Amino acid sequence: MNQDELKALQEEIAGKNTKQLLGFAAEKFSPDIVFATSLGAEDQVLTDLIVKSKLDIPIVTLDTGRLFGETLDLLAETEKFYGIRIRVYAPDAKELEELVNTHGINCFRQSVELRKRCCRVRKVSALNRALAGKKLWICGLRREQSVTRSDIEVLEDDPANGLLRLNPLADWSGERVWDYIRAHNVPYNVLHDRGFPSIGCACCTRAVRRIEDVRAGRWYWEKPEHRECGLHVHSREN
């Protein structure tokens, strides 16, 4: 899609609320659409909206092999609560074996480059398979989350994956997310109640203090500008 076509779509969705954005995406792009959930608070809101609106949007998630047990419990709970099946994508076994046998099981601590390679093997490659053949994917990014996400658009080009990305919660605050979860009894990860506002792999996530950025616990030994895994590259970063 060229920039003129993207701009036309951005103008078409201007003023739409989150539910309307999801409905527009399903109508415009189905069946070439997918929602990739991390099972974080934002993504649980989107799952609730998609299921209750009966939208034809398949839901997928990534199992990196290093997730918290609480995250896996939430996956099962979410499927049972909504009566759905979330398709799980895992790392390529050969790629993962090569990484671990060459650099060690905890190679992500050795350098930013190796940490990003670990993310590529465990997350990005799996996401690439989930997005293959799709024209648009949906995720729960918010501008408020971190410095690396402060300028995301509601609808934007995703050059890394060769399709469009819809961020229906881009302008939501964290307070609004949790107001929705409580009002609609949405299942959520119990780690959120233990000081984990953002949850990834267990080995790369810590609890944060109230004064810290919500993503300060992710790859916490690195500088803030490096704290992305490669899943969410947007056009302004290229």
C-alpha atoms as a PDB file:
ATOM      1  CA  MET A   1       0.000   0.000   0.000  1.00  0.00           C
ATOM      2  CA  ASN A   2       1.383   3.405  -0.957  1.00  0.00           C
ATOM      3  CA  GLN A   3       1.363   6.474   1.284  1.00  0.00           C
ATOM      4  CA  ASP A   4      -1.603   8.084  -0.478  1.00  0.00           C
ATOM      5  CA  GLU A   5      -3.733   4.985   0.134  1.00  0.00           C
ATOM      6  CA  LEU A   6      -2.617   4.875   3.761  1.00  0.00           C
ATOM      7  CA  LYS A   7      -3.458   8.545   4.236  1.00  0.00           C
ATOM      8  CA  ALA A   8      -6.916   7.976   2.739  1.00  0.00           C
ATOM      9  CA  LEU A   9      -7.566   5.151   5.212  1.00  0.00           C
ATOM     10  CA  GLN A  10      -6.311   7.278   8.105  1.00  0.00           C
ATOM     11  CA  GLU A  11      -8.753  10.004   7.116  1.00  0.00           C
ATOM     12  CA  GLU A  12     -11.559   7.452   6.826  1.00  0.00           C
ATOM     13  CA  ILE A  13     -11.082   6.218  10.394  1.00  0.00           C
ATOM     14  CA  ALA A  14     -10.564   9.650  11.952  1.00  0.00           C
ATOM     15  CA  GLY A  15     -12.976  10.149  14.842  1.00  0.00           C
ATOM     16  CA  LYS A  16     -13.904   6.481  15.200  1.00  0.00           C
ATOM     17  CA  ASN A  17     -13.898   4.996  18.693  1.00  0.00           C
ATOM     18  CA  THR A  18     -12.119   1.755  19.538  1.00  0.00           C
ATOM     19  CA  LYS A  19     -15.082  -0.514  18.867  1.00  0.00           C
ATOM     20  CA  GLN A  20     -15.745   1.234  15.553  1.00  0.00           C
ATOM     21  CA  LEU A  21     -12.083   0.906  14.578  1.00  0.00           C
ATOM     22  CA  LEU A  22     -12.200  -2.838  15.146  1.00  0.00           C
ATOM     23  CA  GLY A  23     -15.424  -3.140  13.185  1.00  0.00           C
ATOM     24  CA  PHE A  24     -13.968  -1.129  10.320  1.00  0.00           C
ATOM     25  CA  ALA A  25     -10.854  -3.298  10.265  1.00  0.00           C
ATOM     26  CA  ALA A  26     -12.862  -6.526  10.205  1.00  0.00           C
ATOM     27  CA  GLU A  27     -15.116  -5.286   7.407  1.00  0.00           C
ATOM     28  CA  LYS A  28     -12.308  -3.814   5.316  1.00  0.00           C
ATOM     29  CA  PHE A  29      -9.598  -6.455   5.694  1.00  0.00           C
ATOM     30  CA  SER A  30     -11.186  -9.797   6.639  1.00  0.00           C
ATOM     31  CA  PRO A  31     -10.024 -12.526   6.116  1.00  0.00           C
ATOM     32  CA  ASP A  32      -6.553 -10.976   5.750  1.00  0.00           C
ATOM     33  CA  ILE A  33      -6.473  -9.707   9.315  1.00  0.00           C
ATOM     34  CA  VAL A  34      -5.204 -10.980  12.662  1.00  0.00           C
ATOM     35  CA  PHE A  35      -5.022  -9.784  16.256  1.00  0.00           C
ATOM     36  CA  ALA A  36      -1.758 -10.686  18.010  1.00  0.00           C
ATOM     37  CA  THR A  37      -2.210 -10.683  21.781  1.00  0.00           C
ATOM     38  CA  SER A  38       0.507 -10.750  24.417  1.00  0.00           C
ATOM     39  CA  LEU A  39      -2.222 -11.307  27.030  1.00  0.00           C
ATOM     40  CA  GLY A  40      -1.278  -7.974  28.601  1.00  0.00           C
ATOM     41  CA  ALA A  41      -3.958  -5.699  30.038  1.00  0.00           C
ATOM     42  CA  GLU A  42      -4.422  -3.761  26.795  1.00  0.00           C
ATOM     43  CA  ASP A  43      -4.691  -6.902  24.705  1.00  0.00           C
ATOM     44  CA  GLN A  44      -7.229  -8.386  27.106  1.00  0.00           C
ATOM     45  CA  VAL A  45      -9.392  -5.303  26.499  1.00  0.00           C
ATOM     46  CA  LEU A  46      -9.137  -5.854  22.747  1.00  0.00           C
ATOM     47  CA  THR A  47      -9.952  -9.555  23.089  1.00  0.00           C
ATOM     48  CA  ASP A  48     -13.056  -8.631  25.081  1.00  0.00           C
ATOM     49  CA  LEU A  49     -14.182  -6.129  22.433  1.00  0.00           C
ATOM     50  CA  ILE A  50     -13.506  -8.473  19.508  1.00  0.00           C
ATOM     51  CA  VAL A  51     -15.297 -11.459  21.038  1.00  0.00           C
ATOM     52  CA  LYS A  52     -18.289  -9.556  22.391  1.00  0.00           C
ATOM     53  CA  SER A  53     -18.697  -7.710  19.077  1.00  0.00           C
ATOM     54  CA  LYS A  54     -18.581 -11.089  17.276  1.00  0.00           C
ATOM     55  CA  LEU A  55     -15.990  -9.814  14.824  1.00  0.00           C
ATOM     56  CA  ASP A  56     -14.343 -12.148  12.338  1.00  0.00           C
ATOM     57  CA  ILE A  57     -10.829 -11.492  13.595  1.00  0.00           C
ATOM     58  CA  PRO A  58      -8.631 -14.490  14.484  1.00  0.00           C
ATOM     59  CA  ILE A  59      -6.587 -14.154  17.680  1.00  0.00           C
ATOM     60  CA  VAL A  60      -3.016 -15.441  17.976  1.00  0.00           C
ATOM     61  CA  THR A  61      -0.300 -15.307  20.612  1.00  0.00           C
ATOM     62  CA  LEU A  62       3.393 -16.170  20.951  1.00  0.00           C
ATOM     63  CA  ASP A  63       4.820 -18.698  23.402  1.00  0.00           C
ATOM     64  CA  THR A  64       8.513 -17.865  23.647  1.00  0.00           C
ATOM     65  CA  GLY A  65       9.345 -20.785  25.909  1.00  0.00           C
ATOM     66  CA  ARG A  66      10.314 -18.392  28.725  1.00  0.00           C
ATOM     67  CA  LEU A  67       6.907 -16.995  29.715  1.00  0.00           C
ATOM     68  CA  PHE A  68       5.707 -16.686  33.299  1.00  0.00           C
ATOM     69  CA  GLY A  69       3.506 -19.544  34.460  1.00  0.00           C
ATOM     70  CA  GLU A  70       0.898 -16.916  35.327  1.00  0.00           C
ATOM     71  CA  THR A  71       0.805 -15.831  31.673  1.00  0.00           C
ATOM     72  CA  LEU A  72       0.174 -19.377  30.495  1.00  0.00           C
ATOM     73  CA  ASP A  73      -2.543 -19.735  33.138  1.00  0.00           C
ATOM     74  CA  LEU A  74      -4.168 -16.572  31.785  1.00  0.00           C
ATOM     75  CA  LEU A  75      -4.099 -17.974  28.255  1.00  0.00           C
ATOM     76  CA  ALA A  76      -6.092 -21.001  29.403  1.00  0.00           C
ATOM     77  CA  GLU A  77      -8.407 -18.848  31.516  1.00  0.00           C
ATOM     78  CA  THR A  78      -9.083 -16.462  28.628  1.00  0.00           C
ATOM     79  CA  GLU A  79      -9.937 -19.290  26.243  1.00  0.00           C
ATOM     80  CA  LYS A  80     -12.339 -20.786  28.777  1.00  0.00           C
ATOM     81  CA  PHE A  81     -13.906 -17.444  29.754  1.00  0.00           C
ATOM     82  CA  TYR A  82     -14.723 -16.435  26.174  1.00  0.00           C
ATOM     83  CA  GLY A  83     -15.204 -19.907  24.723  1.00  0.00           C
ATOM     84  CA  ILE A  84     -12.541 -19.342  22.077  1.00  0.00           C
ATOM     85  CA  ARG A  85      -9.290 -20.883  20.920  1.00  0.00           C
ATOM     86  CA  ILE A  86      -6.252 -18.622  20.649  1.00  0.00           C
ATOM     87  CA  ARG A  87      -3.734 -19.966  18.157  1.00  0.00           C
ATOM     88  CA  VAL A  88      -0.254 -20.297  19.664  1.00  0.00           C
ATOM     89  CA  TYR A  89       2.952 -19.763  17.675  1.00  0.00           C
ATOM     90  CA  ALA A  90       6.287 -20.974  19.072  1.00  0.00           C
ATOM     91  CA  PRO A  91       9.938 -20.436  18.069  1.00  0.00           C
ATOM     92  CA  ASP A  92      11.496 -22.585  15.370  1.00  0.00           C
ATOM     93  CA  ALA A  93      13.161 -25.441  17.258  1.00  0.00           C
ATOM     94  CA  LYS A  94      16.321 -25.518  15.123  1.00  0.00           C
ATOM     95  CA  GLU A  95      16.834 -21.754  15.335  1.00  0.00           C
ATOM     96  CA  LEU A  96      16.384 -21.840  19.089  1.00  0.00           C
ATOM     97  CA  GLU A  97      18.743 -24.781  19.554  1.00  0.00           C
ATOM     98  CA  GLU A  98      21.420 -23.028  17.498  1.00  0.00           C
ATOM     99  CA  LEU A  99      21.084 -19.815  19.506  1.00  0.00           C
ATOM    100  CA  VAL A 100      21.251 -21.538  22.880  1.00  0.00           C
ATOM    101  CA  ASN A 101      24.017 -23.974  21.973  1.00  0.00           C
ATOM    102  CA  THR A 102      26.159 -21.221  20.456  1.00  0.00           C
ATOM    103  CA  HIS A 103      25.648 -18.390  22.938  1.00  0.00           C
ATOM    104  CA  GLY A 104      24.168 -19.955  26.087  1.00  0.00           C
ATOM    105  CA  ILE A 105      20.714 -20.209  27.613  1.00  0.00           C
ATOM    106  CA  ASN A 106      20.866 -16.656  29.024  1.00  0.00           C
ATOM    107  CA  CYS A 107      22.707 -15.018  26.137  1.00  0.00           C
ATOM    108  CA  PHE A 108      20.327 -12.049  26.240  1.00  0.00           C
ATOM    109  CA  ARG A 109      22.301 -10.701  29.215  1.00  0.00           C
ATOM    110  CA  GLN A 110      25.584 -10.519  27.293  1.00  0.00           C
ATOM    111  CA  SER A 111      24.786  -7.607  24.955  1.00  0.00           C
ATOM    112  CA  VAL A 112      21.941  -5.654  23.382  1.00  0.00           C
ATOM    113  CA  GLU A 113      22.696  -7.373  20.088  1.00  0.00           C
ATOM    114  CA  LEU A 114      22.347 -10.875  21.550  1.00  0.00           C
ATOM    115  CA  ARG A 115      19.223  -9.869  23.482  1.00  0.00           C
ATOM    116  CA  LYS A 116      17.647  -8.651  20.256  1.00  0.00           C
ATOM    117  CA  ARG A 117      18.714 -11.836  18.507  1.00  0.00           C
ATOM    118  CA  CYS A 118      17.058 -13.852  21.264  1.00  0.00           C
ATOM    119  CA  CYS A 119      13.886 -11.801  20.758  1.00  0.00           C
ATOM    120  CA  ARG A 120      14.079 -12.386  17.008  1.00  0.00           C
ATOM    121  CA  VAL A 121      14.320 -16.141  17.462  1.00  0.00           C
ATOM    122  CA  ARG A 122      11.760 -16.469  20.242  1.00  0.00           C
ATOM    123  CA  LYS A 123       9.257 -13.804  19.158  1.00  0.00           C
ATOM    124  CA  VAL A 124       9.796 -12.052  15.842  1.00  0.00           C
ATOM    125  CA  SER A 125      10.196 -15.164  13.695  1.00  0.00           C
ATOM    126  CA  ALA A 126       7.074 -16.681  15.228  1.00  0.00           C
ATOM    127  CA  LEU A 127       5.145 -13.465  14.619  1.00  0.00           C
ATOM    128  CA  ASN A 128       6.289 -13.440  10.998  1.00  0.00           C
ATOM    129  CA  ARG A 129       4.620 -16.815  10.526  1.00  0.00           C
ATOM    130  CA  ALA A 130       1.462 -15.583  12.234  1.00  0.00           C
ATOM    131  CA  LEU A 131       1.321 -12.543   9.929  1.00  0.00           C
ATOM    132  CA  ALA A 132       2.150 -14.373   6.692  1.00  0.00           C
ATOM    133  CA  GLY A 133      -0.363 -13.507   3.980  1.00  0.00           C
ATOM    134  CA  LYS A 134      -2.142 -10.887   6.097  1.00  0.00           C
ATOM    135  CA  LYS A 135      -2.785  -7.270   5.126  1.00  0.00           C
ATOM    136  CA  LEU A 136      -3.391  -5.834   8.596  1.00  0.00           C
ATOM    137  CA  TRP A 137      -2.630  -6.812  12.173  1.00  0.00           C
ATOM    138  CA  ILE A 138      -4.027  -5.422  15.376  1.00  0.00           C
ATOM    139  CA  CYS A 139      -2.143  -4.878  18.622  1.00  0.00           C
ATOM    140  CA  GLY A 140      -2.556  -3.056  21.913  1.00  0.00           C
ATOM    141  CA  LEU A 141       0.159  -0.408  21.759  1.00  0.00           C
ATOM    142  CA  ARG A 142      -0.450   2.873  23.596  1.00  0.00           C
ATOM    143  CA  ARG A 143       1.478   6.123  23.170  1.00  0.00           C
ATOM    144  CA  GLU A 144       1.680   6.543  26.931  1.00  0.00           C
ATOM    145  CA  GLN A 145       3.547   3.272  27.437  1.00  0.00           C
ATOM    146  CA  SER A 146       7.101   4.378  26.675  1.00  0.00           C
ATOM    147  CA  VAL A 147       9.386   6.759  24.799  1.00  0.00           C
ATOM    148  CA  THR A 148       9.645   4.249  21.943  1.00  0.00           C
ATOM    149  CA  ARG A 149       5.867   4.309  21.429  1.00  0.00           C
ATOM    150  CA  SER A 150       5.018   7.962  22.007  1.00  0.00           C
ATOM    151  CA  ASP A 151       4.458   8.799  18.335  1.00  0.00           C
ATOM    152  CA  ILE A 152       2.566   5.750  17.070  1.00  0.00           C
ATOM    153  CA  GLU A 153      -0.428   6.318  14.806  1.00  0.00           C
ATOM    154  CA  VAL A 154      -3.795   4.606  15.164  1.00  0.00           C
ATOM    155  CA  LEU A 155      -3.233   3.151  11.694  1.00  0.00           C
ATOM    156  CA  GLU A 156       0.291   2.977  10.351  1.00  0.00           C
ATOM    157  CA  ASP A 157       2.580   1.220   7.956  1.00  0.00           C
ATOM    158  CA  ASP A 158       4.569  -1.678   9.400  1.00  0.00           C
ATOM    159  CA  PRO A 159       7.525  -1.941   7.022  1.00  0.00           C
ATOM    160  CA  ALA A 160       9.237  -4.641   9.065  1.00  0.00           C
ATOM    161  CA  ASN A 161       6.357  -7.033   8.434  1.00  0.00           C
ATOM    162  CA  GLY A 162       5.111  -5.684   5.098  1.00  0.00           C
ATOM    163  CA  LEU A 163       1.551  -4.850   6.127  1.00  0.00           C
ATOM    164  CA  LEU A 164      -0.524  -2.314   8.054  1.00  0.00           C
ATOM    165  CA  ARG A 165      -0.872  -2.165  11.822  1.00  0.00           C
ATOM    166  CA  LEU A 166      -3.904  -0.930  13.710  1.00  0.00           C
ATOM    167  CA  ASN A 167      -3.375   0.394  17.238  1.00  0.00           C
ATOM    168  CA  PRO A 168      -6.970   0.899  18.460  1.00  0.00           C
ATOM    169  CA  LEU A 169      -5.841   1.863  21.976  1.00  0.00           C
ATOM    170  CA  ALA A 170      -3.150   4.324  20.886  1.00  0.00           C
ATOM    171  CA  ASP A 171      -4.699   7.247  22.760  1.00  0.00           C
ATOM    172  CA  TRP A 172      -5.942   5.310  25.800  1.00  0.00           C
ATOM    173  CA  SER A 173      -4.458   5.996  29.228  1.00  0.00           C
ATOM    174  CA  GLY A 174      -3.486   3.215  31.596  1.00  0.00           C
ATOM    175  CA  GLU A 175      -6.296   4.326  33.889  1.00  0.00           C
ATOM    176  CA  ARG A 176      -8.830   3.910  31.090  1.00  0.00           C
ATOM    177  CA  VAL A 177      -7.560   0.399  30.358  1.00  0.00           C
ATOM    178  CA  TRP A 178      -8.044  -0.666  33.956  1.00  0.00           C
ATOM    179  CA  ASP A 179     -11.406   1.067  34.263  1.00  0.00           C
ATOM    180  CA  TYR A 180     -12.570  -1.049  31.318  1.00  0.00           C
ATOM    181  CA  ILE A 181     -11.139  -4.268  32.763  1.00  0.00           C
ATOM    182  CA  ARG A 182     -12.878  -3.743  36.098  1.00  0.00           C
ATOM    183  CA  ALA A 183     -16.174  -2.583  34.589  1.00  0.00           C
ATOM    184  CA  HIS A 184     -16.394  -5.597  32.269  1.00  0.00           C
ATOM    185  CA  ASN A 185     -14.788  -8.225  34.543  1.00  0.00           C
ATOM    186  CA  VAL A 186     -12.103  -8.951  31.959  1.00  0.00           C
ATOM    187  CA  PRO A 187      -9.623 -11.697  32.965  1.00  0.00           C
ATOM    188  CA  TYR A 188      -6.116 -10.340  33.561  1.00  0.00           C
ATOM    189  CA  ASN A 189      -2.679 -11.529  34.602  1.00  0.00           C
ATOM    190  CA  VAL A 190      -2.348 -11.720  38.395  1.00  0.00           C
ATOM    191  CA  LEU A 191       1.205 -10.377  38.033  1.00  0.00           C
ATOM    192  CA  HIS A 192      -0.327  -6.956  37.376  1.00  0.00           C
ATOM    193  CA  ASP A 193      -1.358  -6.939  41.041  1.00  0.00           C
ATOM    194  CA  ARG A 194       2.245  -7.659  42.054  1.00  0.00           C
ATOM    195  CA  GLY A 195       3.863  -4.624  40.438  1.00  0.00           C
ATOM    196  CA  PHE A 196       4.223  -5.849  36.849  1.00  0.00           C
ATOM    197  CA  PRO A 197       2.440  -3.344  34.549  1.00  0.00           C
ATOM    198  CA  SER A 198       4.188  -4.784  31.473  1.00  0.00           C
ATOM    199  CA  ILE A 199       4.851  -8.515  31.254  1.00  0.00           C
ATOM    200  CA  GLY A 200       7.105 -10.385  28.861  1.00  0.00           C
ATOM    201  CA  CYS A 201       9.464 -13.310  29.359  1.00  0.00           C
ATOM    202  CA  ALA A 202      10.071 -14.162  33.020  1.00  0.00           C
ATOM    203  CA  CYS A 203      13.837 -13.839  32.610  1.00  0.00           C
ATOM    204  CA  CYS A 204      13.587 -10.326  31.166  1.00  0.00           C
ATOM    205  CA  THR A 205      10.866  -8.739  33.311  1.00  0.00           C
ATOM    206  CA  ARG A 206      10.876  -7.331  36.832  1.00  0.00           C
ATOM    207  CA  ALA A 207       8.342  -5.495  38.971  1.00  0.00           C
ATOM    208  CA  VAL A 208       8.506  -1.684  38.875  1.00  0.00           C
ATOM    209  CA  ARG A 209       8.066   1.098  41.395  1.00  0.00           C
ATOM    210  CA  ARG A 210       5.151   3.517  41.148  1.00  0.00           C
ATOM    211  CA  ILE A 211       7.413   6.354  39.993  1.00  0.00           C
ATOM    212  CA  GLU A 212       8.840   4.320  37.096  1.00  0.00           C
ATOM    213  CA  ASP A 213       7.725   4.095  33.476  1.00  0.00           C
ATOM    214  CA  VAL A 214       5.255   1.251  32.929  1.00  0.00           C
ATOM    215  CA  ARG A 215       7.798  -0.549  30.726  1.00  0.00           C
ATOM    216  CA  ALA A 216      10.785   0.080  32.993  1.00  0.00           C
ATOM    217  CA  GLY A 217      10.710  -3.548  34.059  1.00  0.00           C
ATOM    218  CA  ARG A 218      11.269  -4.881  30.543  1.00  0.00           C
ATOM    219  CA  TRP A 219      14.953  -5.567  29.695  1.00  0.00           C
ATOM    220  CA  TYR A 220      15.589  -3.388  32.743  1.00  0.00           C
ATOM    221  CA  TRP A 221      19.392  -3.608  32.467  1.00  0.00           C
ATOM    222  CA  GLU A 222      19.308  -1.747  29.119  1.00  0.00           C
ATOM    223  CA  LYS A 223      18.842   1.923  28.288  1.00  0.00           C
ATOM    224  CA  PRO A 224      15.178   2.906  27.652  1.00  0.00           C
ATOM    225  CA  GLU A 225      15.690   3.563  23.935  1.00  0.00           C
ATOM    226  CA  HIS A 226      16.682  -0.081  23.417  1.00  0.00           C
ATOM    227  CA  ARG A 227      13.732  -1.634  25.236  1.00  0.00           C
ATOM    228  CA  GLU A 228      11.797  -3.087  22.320  1.00  0.00           C
ATOM    229  CA  CYS A 229      11.902  -6.640  21.029  1.00  0.00           C
ATOM    230  CA  GLY A 230      11.466  -5.912  17.326  1.00  0.00           C
ATOM    231  CA  LEU A 231       7.775  -6.790  17.088  1.00  0.00           C
ATOM    232  CA  HIS A 232       6.652  -3.184  17.061  1.00  0.00           C
ATOM    233  CA  VAL A 233       8.765  -1.242  14.582  1.00  0.00           C
ATOM    234  CA  HIS A 234       6.839   1.627  13.040  1.00  0.00           C
ATOM    235  CA  SER A 235       7.561   3.734  10.006  1.00  0.00           C
ATOM    236  CA  ARG A 236       9.029   6.717  11.851  1.00  0.00           C
ATOM    237  CA  GLU A 237      11.780   4.530  13.248  1.00  0.00           C
ATOM    238  CA  ASN A 238      13.186   3.737   9.793  1.00  0.00           C
END
